[in-house]
Amino acid sequence: MNLSPFDRRQFLRGLAVGGGVAAMVGGLPRRADAAIPKPKWQEAINRGLEWLSSKQSSRGQWNTTVYPTAMAALSGTALIASGSTTTQGPYARQIARAADFLISKSRGNGLIGDPQTDSRYTYGHGFSMLFLSQVLGEEGLLDRREELVDVLSRAVQFSGNAQTAAGGWGYVSAKEGNDFDEGSTTITQVQGLRGCRNAGIPVSSEVIEKAKEYIYRCKNPDGGISYSSRQTGSSRPAITAAALAALYNAGDYDSEHVPEMLAYSKESLHDIGQAGQSFGHWHYTYLYYSQVVYRQGDELWFPFRDRLYDRISAEQQADGSWEGQIHPVYVTACNLTMLQIDRGFLPIYQR
């Protein structure tokens, strides 16, 4: 069966939300009744998408004072999760604009971002690799594909050069940051690199293996992951969940470390805990932990999803946005990605 990109997305949408027959995602059968989303979730998604798309400028960015590159990439990813591409769907124009903006931020050394205005530019770089790699997978225009391949190939090279001796990444490249590393930026690089590899961009296996070893080195006896290789001994639930998601993206499901990390994450986060368990970064934490649980299969995913989506939809503001740490654009993009993760439109999150 040959389907155009958008037809394929429509087909996936029908499978993911179909009610009369068992839907299939990643080859796994779903119970028809459990697969049907609640109307309030869909309403929250629709309102959130409309709010997020309305806040984009004509130049493709979201006018935030913090992390402008990361905000554009995260917002674009949330819009792709709805089923639109750069050429098809209700948010095609916004996705294309976001891609144009991020392409314009690509520098000669491969960095996607602006080190003059962003003191933690590796976040934006990693999220941009992730978003643009998802765009590349659906891009049909040859010249556009060539442009994306060039930008992403140089971005991959930059990430490799920015990796620390320990195998992680810091807020800036290793040379600029005195070889400092920390978990959250490391995860953005690993997921971005994996997205690029999935889209056909060559990625050094040595870089990925070093990143995996970095995560293992940061693991504590309780199964949790430390904030940094320089500050081991204290586990962080948020970084542990993110590290697990990154390991899954890197194809590591079976190492001796994964079961302990999963057990620690489930004990800390599975009951949809309060901000204390996520060190104040609730939306960041559950953006990644939802990916982890979704990969476990429907038996674990459905009841967790119900609790997560009920909470997210209940916290939505009257205008369709969500409030929280960093900026409403960031929180809204994270929540929309979580609410749409099992629709199957983002290859990086598929089972």
Protein backbone atom coordinates (compact mmCIF):
# COMPACT_ATOMS: atom_id res chain seq x y z
CA MET A 1 0.00 0.00 0.00
CA ASN A 2 1.63 3.24 -1.19
CA LEU A 3 0.51 6.32 0.71
CA SER A 4 1.57 9.93 0.43
CA PRO A 5 3.02 11.38 3.67
CA PHE A 6 -0.24 13.02 4.65
CA ASP A 7 -2.35 10.03 3.58
CA ARG A 8 -0.12 7.85 5.73
CA ARG A 9 -0.63 10.23 8.63
CA GLN A 10 -4.39 10.11 8.14
CA PHE A 11 -4.19 6.34 8.07
CA LEU A 12 -2.19 6.31 11.32
CA ARG A 13 -4.65 8.74 12.88
CA GLY A 14 -7.54 6.43 12.00
CA LEU A 15 -5.77 3.49 13.55
CA ALA A 16 -4.77 5.38 16.67
CA VAL A 17 -8.19 6.75 17.53
CA GLY A 18 -10.50 4.27 15.79
CA GLY A 19 -13.29 3.06 18.04
CA GLY A 20 -15.06 0.22 16.28
CA VAL A 21 -11.99 -1.92 15.62
CA ALA A 22 -8.79 -2.56 17.51
CA ALA A 23 -6.22 0.04 16.52
CA MET A 24 -2.63 -0.82 15.86
CA VAL A 25 0.43 1.25 16.78
CA GLY A 26 3.89 -0.17 16.12
CA GLY A 27 2.32 -3.57 15.44
CA LEU A 28 0.85 -3.89 18.96
CA PRO A 29 -2.90 -4.54 19.25
CA ARG A 30 -4.95 -2.12 21.32
CA ARG A 31 -8.24 -2.66 23.07
CA ALA A 32 -10.74 -0.60 21.12
CA ASP A 33 -12.44 0.88 24.19
CA ALA A 34 -9.18 1.88 25.86
CA ALA A 35 -7.79 3.43 22.68
CA ILE A 36 -10.61 5.94 22.32
CA PRO A 37 -9.50 9.34 23.65
CA LYS A 38 -11.78 11.26 25.96
CA PRO A 39 -13.51 14.24 24.30
CA LYS A 40 -12.02 16.60 26.88
CA TRP A 41 -8.52 15.53 25.84
CA GLN A 42 -9.24 16.27 22.21
CA GLU A 43 -10.75 19.60 23.14
CA ALA A 44 -7.64 20.46 25.15
CA ILE A 45 -5.44 19.50 22.20
CA ASN A 46 -7.45 21.59 19.74
CA ARG A 47 -7.44 24.65 21.97
CA GLY A 48 -3.76 24.25 22.76
CA LEU A 49 -2.79 23.91 19.11
CA GLU A 50 -4.77 27.00 18.19
CA TRP A 51 -3.16 29.04 20.97
CA LEU A 52 0.35 27.83 20.15
CA SER A 53 0.02 28.46 16.42
CA SER A 54 -1.43 31.93 17.03
CA LYS A 55 1.65 32.98 19.01
CA GLN A 56 4.08 32.35 16.17
CA SER A 57 5.49 35.41 14.42
CA SER A 58 5.53 35.82 10.65
CA ARG A 59 9.27 35.03 10.75
CA GLY A 60 8.62 31.60 12.24
CA GLN A 61 9.70 32.14 15.81
CA TRP A 62 7.80 32.40 19.06
CA ASN A 63 8.64 35.76 20.58
CA THR A 64 9.91 34.63 23.96
CA THR A 65 12.72 36.25 25.88
CA VAL A 66 14.24 32.88 26.82
CA TYR A 67 15.52 30.03 24.65
CA PRO A 68 14.08 31.29 21.32
CA THR A 69 15.63 28.46 19.29
CA ALA A 70 14.46 25.77 21.68
CA MET A 71 10.96 27.27 21.85
CA ALA A 72 10.60 27.22 18.06
CA ALA A 73 11.80 23.61 17.85
CA LEU A 74 9.60 22.36 20.69
CA SER A 75 6.56 24.21 19.34
CA GLY A 76 7.14 22.91 15.83
CA THR A 77 7.46 19.37 17.17
CA ALA A 78 4.12 19.72 19.01
CA LEU A 79 2.47 20.86 15.77
CA ILE A 80 3.92 17.93 13.81
CA ALA A 81 2.53 15.62 16.51
CA SER A 82 -0.97 16.73 15.43
CA GLY A 83 -0.50 15.19 11.99
CA SER A 84 0.42 18.24 9.94
CA THR A 85 3.58 18.45 7.83
CA THR A 86 5.31 21.37 6.12
CA THR A 87 2.94 20.98 3.16
CA GLN A 88 -0.23 19.32 4.45
CA GLY A 89 -2.63 19.84 7.33
CA PRO A 90 -4.01 22.83 9.26
CA TYR A 91 -0.62 23.76 10.74
CA ALA A 92 1.52 23.30 7.62
CA ARG A 93 2.31 26.99 7.34
CA GLN A 94 3.41 27.25 10.97
CA ILE A 95 5.61 24.14 10.72
CA ALA A 96 7.23 25.40 7.50
CA ARG A 97 7.86 28.79 9.10
CA ALA A 98 9.42 27.18 12.17
CA ALA A 99 11.69 25.11 9.92
CA ASP A 100 12.69 28.22 7.99
CA PHE A 101 13.47 30.07 11.20
CA LEU A 102 15.65 27.26 12.54
CA ILE A 103 17.43 26.83 9.22
CA SER A 104 18.22 30.55 9.35
CA LYS A 105 19.82 30.01 12.77
CA SER A 106 22.27 27.44 11.39
CA ARG A 107 25.81 28.76 11.66
CA GLY A 108 28.93 27.89 9.71
CA ASN A 109 30.23 25.59 12.47
CA GLY A 110 26.96 23.64 12.48
CA LEU A 111 25.41 25.15 15.60
CA ILE A 112 21.69 25.85 15.29
CA GLY A 113 21.28 28.82 17.58
CA ASP A 114 22.92 32.05 18.65
CA PRO A 115 25.64 31.87 21.31
CA GLN A 116 25.57 35.66 21.64
CA THR A 117 22.01 35.71 22.98
CA ASP A 118 21.60 32.20 24.41
CA SER A 119 23.92 31.17 27.21
CA ARG A 120 22.60 27.58 27.08
CA TYR A 121 22.46 27.06 23.36
CA THR A 122 22.87 23.27 23.38
CA TYR A 123 19.20 22.90 24.39
CA GLY A 124 18.04 24.70 21.27
CA HIS A 125 20.57 22.86 19.12
CA GLY A 126 19.39 19.44 20.31
CA PHE A 127 15.68 20.22 20.04
CA SER A 128 16.28 21.72 16.58
CA MET A 129 17.98 18.55 15.36
CA LEU A 130 15.01 16.59 16.63
CA PHE A 131 12.41 18.84 14.97
CA LEU A 132 14.20 19.28 11.65
CA SER A 133 14.90 15.54 11.39
CA GLN A 134 11.16 14.89 11.71
CA VAL A 135 10.55 17.51 9.00
CA LEU A 136 13.15 15.88 6.74
CA GLY A 137 11.42 12.54 6.97
CA GLU A 138 8.29 14.00 5.36
CA GLU A 139 9.87 16.53 2.98
CA GLY A 140 9.15 15.76 -0.68
CA LEU A 141 10.85 18.71 -2.42
CA LEU A 142 14.37 17.82 -3.55
CA ASP A 143 15.96 21.24 -3.01
CA ARG A 144 14.35 21.51 0.40
CA ARG A 145 15.61 18.07 1.37
CA GLU A 146 19.12 19.00 0.27
CA GLU A 147 19.00 22.11 2.43
CA LEU A 148 17.81 20.16 5.46
CA VAL A 149 20.42 17.44 4.92
CA ASP A 150 23.15 20.09 4.81
CA VAL A 151 21.93 21.83 7.98
CA LEU A 152 21.51 18.58 9.89
CA SER A 153 24.79 17.06 8.72
CA ARG A 154 26.67 20.09 10.03
CA ALA A 155 24.56 20.07 13.22
CA VAL A 156 25.52 16.46 13.86
CA GLN A 157 29.17 17.35 13.39
CA PHE A 158 28.84 20.23 15.83
CA SER A 159 27.30 17.95 18.47
CA GLY A 160 30.14 15.49 18.11
CA ASN A 161 32.70 18.26 18.53
CA ALA A 162 30.81 19.69 21.52
CA GLN A 163 30.78 16.39 23.45
CA THR A 164 32.79 16.36 26.66
CA ALA A 165 35.58 13.94 27.48
CA ALA A 166 33.17 12.13 29.81
CA GLY A 167 30.73 11.58 26.94
CA GLY A 168 28.04 14.08 27.91
CA TRP A 169 27.22 17.63 26.97
CA GLY A 170 26.94 20.87 28.90
CA TYR A 171 25.02 24.07 28.33
CA VAL A 172 27.63 25.08 25.73
CA SER A 173 30.23 23.15 23.76
CA ALA A 174 32.91 21.32 25.73
CA LYS A 175 35.67 23.74 24.73
CA GLU A 176 33.66 26.78 25.77
CA GLY A 177 32.30 25.25 28.95
CA ASN A 178 35.47 23.86 30.55
CA ASP A 179 34.35 20.32 29.68
CA PHE A 180 31.35 20.58 32.04
CA ASP A 181 28.48 18.17 31.40
CA GLU A 182 24.99 17.68 32.80
CA GLY A 183 22.15 15.27 32.16
CA SER A 184 19.35 17.33 30.63
CA THR A 185 21.42 18.81 27.81
CA THR A 186 22.96 15.42 27.15
CA ILE A 187 19.52 13.95 26.58
CA THR A 188 18.58 16.63 24.04
CA GLN A 189 21.71 15.83 22.04
CA VAL A 190 21.12 12.06 22.09
CA GLN A 191 17.50 12.39 20.97
CA GLY A 192 18.42 14.94 18.32
CA LEU A 193 21.21 12.73 17.00
CA ARG A 194 18.92 9.72 16.95
CA GLY A 195 16.30 11.69 15.03
CA CYS A 196 18.96 12.61 12.49
CA ARG A 197 20.16 9.02 12.15
CA ASN A 198 16.59 7.82 11.65
CA ALA A 199 16.20 10.40 8.88
CA GLY A 200 19.29 9.12 7.08
CA ILE A 201 21.92 11.56 8.36
CA PRO A 202 25.21 9.80 9.22
CA VAL A 203 25.89 9.86 12.97
CA SER A 204 29.08 8.56 14.54
CA SER A 205 28.45 5.39 16.52
CA GLU A 206 31.36 6.40 18.74
CA VAL A 207 29.56 9.57 19.81
CA ILE A 208 26.42 7.58 20.71
CA GLU A 209 28.38 4.90 22.58
CA LYS A 210 30.23 7.53 24.58
CA ALA A 211 26.89 9.13 25.48
CA LYS A 212 25.48 5.81 26.63
CA GLU A 213 28.55 5.16 28.77
CA TYR A 214 28.16 8.64 30.23
CA ILE A 215 24.63 7.82 31.35
CA TYR A 216 25.77 4.53 32.89
CA ARG A 217 28.58 6.34 34.70
CA CYS A 218 26.08 8.75 36.24
CA LYS A 219 23.89 5.94 37.58
CA ASN A 220 23.73 5.57 41.35
CA PRO A 221 23.13 2.39 43.37
CA ASP A 222 19.41 3.19 43.67
CA GLY A 223 19.06 3.14 39.88
CA GLY A 224 18.69 6.90 39.50
CA ILE A 225 20.85 9.19 37.40
CA SER A 226 22.88 12.06 38.81
CA TYR A 227 22.74 15.63 37.56
CA SER A 228 26.32 15.50 36.27
CA SER A 229 29.28 13.15 36.06
CA ARG A 230 31.02 15.62 38.37
CA GLN A 231 28.22 15.45 40.95
CA THR A 232 27.29 11.79 41.37
CA GLY A 233 25.60 10.27 44.39
CA SER A 234 22.27 12.12 44.33
CA SER A 235 19.65 10.80 41.91
CA ARG A 236 17.25 12.98 39.93
CA PRO A 237 13.93 11.45 38.82
CA ALA A 238 13.58 13.89 35.92
CA ILE A 239 17.02 13.18 34.48
CA THR A 240 16.57 9.45 35.05
CA ALA A 241 13.36 9.43 33.00
CA ALA A 242 14.98 11.53 30.29
CA ALA A 243 18.03 9.26 30.24
CA LEU A 244 15.83 6.20 29.83
CA ALA A 245 14.01 7.81 26.90
CA ALA A 246 17.36 8.66 25.33
CA LEU A 247 18.66 5.10 25.82
CA TYR A 248 15.53 3.73 24.13
CA ASN A 249 16.12 6.13 21.24
CA ALA A 250 19.69 4.87 21.07
CA GLY A 251 18.38 1.32 20.77
CA ASP A 252 19.41 0.25 24.26
CA TYR A 253 16.54 -1.70 25.80
CA ASP A 254 18.43 -4.60 27.28
CA SER A 255 21.51 -3.34 29.12
CA GLU A 256 21.94 -4.31 32.74
CA HIS A 257 21.30 -0.70 33.76
CA VAL A 258 17.88 -0.22 32.14
CA PRO A 259 15.75 -2.31 34.55
CA GLU A 260 17.17 -0.50 37.59
CA MET A 261 16.62 2.90 35.98
CA LEU A 262 13.06 1.94 35.03
CA ALA A 263 12.28 0.71 38.54
CA TYR A 264 13.60 3.94 40.06
CA SER A 265 11.58 6.06 37.61
CA LYS A 266 8.37 4.13 38.20
CA GLU A 267 8.68 4.38 41.97
CA SER A 268 9.35 8.12 41.80
CA LEU A 269 7.07 9.26 39.00
CA HIS A 270 4.39 6.79 38.01
CA ASP A 271 1.69 8.18 40.29
CA ILE A 272 1.93 11.58 38.53
CA GLY A 273 3.78 13.13 41.44
CA GLN A 274 4.05 16.73 42.45
CA ALA A 275 6.84 19.11 41.50
CA GLY A 276 9.04 18.03 44.39
CA GLN A 277 9.85 14.73 42.73
CA SER A 278 10.85 16.51 39.53
CA PHE A 279 12.90 19.28 41.16
CA GLY A 280 10.41 21.86 39.91
CA HIS A 281 10.56 20.68 36.29
CA TRP A 282 7.25 18.80 36.17
CA HIS A 283 6.56 19.25 32.47
CA TYR A 284 10.10 18.40 31.47
CA THR A 285 9.95 15.29 33.65
CA TYR A 286 6.71 13.95 32.25
CA LEU A 287 7.56 14.86 28.67
CA TYR A 288 10.23 12.18 28.97
CA TYR A 289 8.59 9.80 31.41
CA SER A 290 5.52 9.59 29.16
CA GLN A 291 7.83 8.40 26.37
CA VAL A 292 9.25 5.75 28.69
CA VAL A 293 5.85 4.45 29.75
CA TYR A 294 4.47 4.49 26.21
CA ARG A 295 7.35 2.26 25.11
CA GLN A 296 6.36 -0.32 27.75
CA GLY A 297 3.10 -1.21 25.98
CA ASP A 298 -0.60 -0.54 26.38
CA GLU A 299 -1.14 -2.44 29.62
CA LEU A 300 1.03 0.06 31.49
CA TRP A 301 0.41 2.99 29.16
CA PHE A 302 -3.39 3.27 29.19
CA PRO A 303 -3.99 3.72 32.94
CA PHE A 304 -0.99 6.03 33.23
CA ARG A 305 -2.11 7.99 30.18
CA ASP A 306 -5.56 8.49 31.67
CA ARG A 307 -4.16 10.03 34.85
CA LEU A 308 -1.63 12.15 32.98
CA TYR A 309 -4.06 13.47 30.37
CA ASP A 310 -6.77 14.17 32.94
CA ARG A 311 -4.33 16.27 34.94
CA ILE A 312 -2.99 18.15 31.92
CA SER A 313 -6.44 18.94 30.50
CA ALA A 314 -7.69 20.10 33.91
CA GLU A 315 -4.82 22.59 34.22
CA GLN A 316 -5.38 24.28 30.85
CA GLN A 317 -6.01 28.03 30.90
CA ALA A 318 -9.12 29.63 29.42
CA ASP A 319 -7.19 30.84 26.35
CA GLY A 320 -5.92 27.34 25.54
CA SER A 321 -2.42 27.72 26.96
CA TRP A 322 -0.79 26.22 30.02
CA GLU A 323 1.18 28.08 32.67
CA GLY A 324 4.32 26.86 34.36
CA GLN A 325 8.05 27.15 34.66
CA ILE A 326 10.11 28.94 31.97
CA HIS A 327 7.29 30.20 29.66
CA PRO A 328 3.69 29.34 28.60
CA VAL A 329 4.98 28.50 25.09
CA TYR A 330 7.33 25.91 26.58
CA VAL A 331 4.72 24.37 28.88
CA THR A 332 2.07 24.32 26.15
CA ALA A 333 4.42 22.67 23.66
CA CYS A 334 5.43 20.02 26.21
CA ASN A 335 1.82 19.28 27.16
CA LEU A 336 0.68 19.04 23.55
CA THR A 337 3.49 16.63 22.72
CA MET A 338 2.49 14.45 25.67
CA LEU A 339 -1.20 14.58 24.77
CA GLN A 340 -0.45 13.44 21.21
CA ILE A 341 2.40 10.99 21.77
CA ASP A 342 0.42 7.85 20.96
CA ARG A 343 -1.01 9.23 17.72
CA GLY A 344 2.12 7.96 16.02
CA PHE A 345 2.91 10.98 13.87
CA LEU A 346 6.38 11.62 15.32
CA PRO A 347 8.75 8.81 14.25
CA ILE A 348 11.15 9.51 17.13
CA TYR A 349 8.48 8.58 19.70
CA GLN A 350 7.01 5.54 17.93
CA ARG A 351 7.27 2.12 19.48
